[in-house]
C-alpha cells in the first residue's frame, strides 16, 4: 500500500502542507521581531511555497483517477513530485533557517547543498507536472 502512487501523494502532500503551515510560525516571528527583509522574505517564500507544493501533491492524488495514466506513469509522476516537494522543503525551509538562498552553487558549501535542493525540486516538478499534463492533453 505504501508504494502505491495515490496514497504516496496523499501522505506526503499532507506532510509538506503541514511543514509549510509550521513555517508560518518563524515567518510570523521574523515579522514580529523585525528581523530584517531577507529573513522575512526567506520564511515567507518557505511558508507559501511549501503549502503550494503540498497542495499540488494532494490535487494530483485527487485527479489521478480521472487521468489516462498507467500505473507506471502515475508512479513516475508521484515519485517525481514527492522528490520535488522534499527538495524544496530542504532548500527553502532549512535555507530560511540558516539564512542562505542556494540560488547559485558557488561558493561551494552549504549554499551548494541548497542549490541541489532547488535543482531536485525544479526537476521533479517539471517531470511530475509534465507527466500529468501529458495525460490531460492525451
Protein backbone atom coordinates (compact mmCIF):
# COMPACT_ATOMS: atom_id res chain seq x y z
CA UNK A 1 0.00 0.00 0.00
CA UNK A 2 2.81 2.43 0.87
CA UNK A 3 4.30 2.11 -2.62
CA UNK A 4 1.03 2.89 -4.38
CA UNK A 5 1.05 6.33 -6.07
CA UNK A 6 -2.19 7.82 -4.71
CA UNK A 7 -1.57 7.05 -1.01
CA UNK A 8 2.04 8.20 -1.51
CA UNK A 9 0.83 11.55 -2.83
CA UNK A 10 -1.79 11.90 -0.09
CA UNK A 11 0.59 11.12 2.76
CA UNK A 12 3.48 13.26 1.57
CA UNK A 13 1.21 16.05 0.36
CA UNK A 14 -0.24 16.28 3.86
CA UNK A 15 3.22 16.25 5.44
CA UNK A 16 4.51 19.00 3.14
CA UNK A 17 1.41 21.18 3.67
CA UNK A 18 1.90 20.73 7.43
CA UNK A 19 5.56 21.74 7.17
CA UNK A 20 4.51 24.80 5.17
CA UNK A 21 1.96 25.74 7.82
CA UNK A 22 4.60 25.28 10.53
CA UNK A 23 6.95 27.57 8.58
CA UNK A 24 4.36 30.27 9.22
CA UNK A 25 5.47 30.48 12.85
CA UNK A 26 9.06 31.60 12.18
CA UNK A 27 7.65 33.85 9.42
CA UNK A 28 5.34 35.48 11.96
CA UNK A 29 8.17 35.71 14.50
CA UNK A 30 10.52 37.35 11.99
CA UNK A 31 7.86 39.96 11.22
CA UNK A 32 7.00 40.47 14.90
CA UNK A 33 10.66 40.94 15.90
CA UNK A 34 11.53 42.93 12.77
CA UNK A 35 14.33 40.52 11.83
CA UNK A 36 15.04 42.20 8.52
CA UNK A 37 13.77 41.95 4.97
CA UNK A 38 15.92 38.95 3.98
CA UNK A 39 14.85 36.75 6.89
CA UNK A 40 11.20 37.74 6.46
CA UNK A 41 11.44 37.02 2.72
CA UNK A 42 13.03 33.63 3.31
CA UNK A 43 10.29 32.50 5.70
CA UNK A 44 7.52 33.96 3.52
CA UNK A 45 8.81 32.03 0.49
CA UNK A 46 9.19 28.82 2.53
CA UNK A 47 5.72 29.18 4.07
CA UNK A 48 3.83 29.84 0.85
CA UNK A 49 5.82 27.57 -1.47
CA UNK A 50 5.69 24.53 0.79
CA UNK A 51 1.94 24.88 1.23
CA UNK A 52 1.52 25.19 -2.54
CA UNK A 53 3.80 22.18 -3.20
CA UNK A 54 1.91 20.04 -0.72
CA UNK A 55 -1.39 21.09 -2.28
CA UNK A 56 -0.02 20.13 -5.71
CA UNK A 57 0.60 16.59 -4.45
CA UNK A 58 -2.90 16.41 -2.97
CA UNK A 59 -4.53 17.72 -6.16
CA UNK A 60 -2.66 15.23 -8.35
CA UNK A 61 -3.76 12.43 -6.00
CA UNK A 62 -7.38 13.57 -6.26
CA UNK A 63 -7.45 13.99 -10.05
CA UNK A 64 -5.38 10.89 -10.86
CA UNK A 65 -8.42 8.58 -11.20
CA UNK A 66 -9.67 10.86 -13.98
CA UNK A 67 -6.42 10.77 -15.96
CA UNK A 68 -5.47 8.31 -18.67
CA UNK A 69 -2.31 7.20 -16.88
CA UNK A 70 -0.97 3.71 -16.43
CA UNK A 71 0.37 2.62 -13.06
CA UNK A 72 3.99 3.17 -14.13
CA UNK A 73 3.34 6.70 -15.43
CA UNK A 74 1.37 7.64 -12.33
CA UNK A 75 4.12 6.21 -10.13
CA UNK A 76 6.72 8.24 -12.05
CA UNK A 77 4.67 11.43 -11.59
CA UNK A 78 4.07 10.68 -7.91
CA UNK A 79 7.70 9.96 -7.06
CA UNK A 80 8.92 12.95 -9.09
CA UNK A 81 6.52 15.25 -7.23
CA UNK A 82 7.44 13.81 -3.83
CA UNK A 83 11.17 14.25 -4.52
CA UNK A 84 10.41 17.77 -5.75
CA UNK A 85 8.47 18.65 -2.62
CA UNK A 86 11.17 17.45 -0.24
CA UNK A 87 13.88 19.13 -2.32
CA UNK A 88 12.03 22.40 -1.75
CA UNK A 89 11.40 21.58 1.93
CA UNK A 90 15.15 21.29 2.36
CA UNK A 91 16.20 24.21 0.15
CA UNK A 92 13.56 26.67 1.35
CA UNK A 93 12.90 25.55 4.91
CA UNK A 94 16.44 24.81 6.04
CA UNK A 95 17.72 27.63 3.84
CA UNK A 96 15.48 30.13 5.62
CA UNK A 97 16.58 28.69 8.96
CA UNK A 98 20.29 29.29 8.26
CA UNK A 99 19.81 32.41 6.13
CA UNK A 100 21.04 31.02 2.79
CA UNK A 101 19.19 31.07 -0.51
CA UNK A 102 21.03 28.49 -2.58
CA UNK A 103 20.37 30.18 -5.91
CA UNK A 104 23.95 29.70 -7.04
CA UNK A 105 26.13 26.64 -6.32
CA UNK A 106 29.19 28.80 -5.73
CA UNK A 107 30.82 29.22 -3.24
CA UNK A 108 30.95 25.52 -2.51
CA UNK A 109 29.49 24.52 0.81
CA UNK A 110 26.09 24.85 2.43
CA UNK A 111 24.88 27.11 -0.37
CA UNK A 112 25.69 24.33 -2.85
CA UNK A 113 23.50 21.89 -0.89
CA UNK A 114 20.58 24.30 -1.06
CA UNK A 115 21.20 24.75 -4.79
CA UNK A 116 20.96 20.97 -5.21
CA UNK A 117 17.69 21.03 -3.25
CA UNK A 118 16.31 23.67 -5.63
CA UNK A 119 17.52 21.65 -8.64
CA UNK A 120 15.82 18.49 -7.34
CA UNK A 121 12.67 20.49 -6.65
CA UNK A 122 12.57 22.05 -10.09
CA UNK A 123 13.45 18.85 -11.94
CA UNK A 124 10.91 16.77 -10.05
CA UNK A 125 8.21 19.36 -10.61
CA UNK A 126 8.90 19.52 -14.34
CA UNK A 127 8.80 15.72 -14.67
CA UNK A 128 5.75 15.22 -12.44
CA UNK A 129 3.68 18.05 -13.88
CA UNK A 130 4.83 17.10 -17.39
CA UNK A 131 3.51 13.55 -17.00
CA UNK A 132 0.20 14.83 -15.61
CA UNK A 133 -0.11 17.45 -18.36
CA UNK A 134 0.62 14.81 -21.00
CA UNK A 135 -2.16 12.66 -19.56
CA UNK A 136 -4.57 15.59 -19.52
CA UNK A 137 -3.85 16.53 -23.13
CA UNK A 138 -3.64 12.95 -24.42
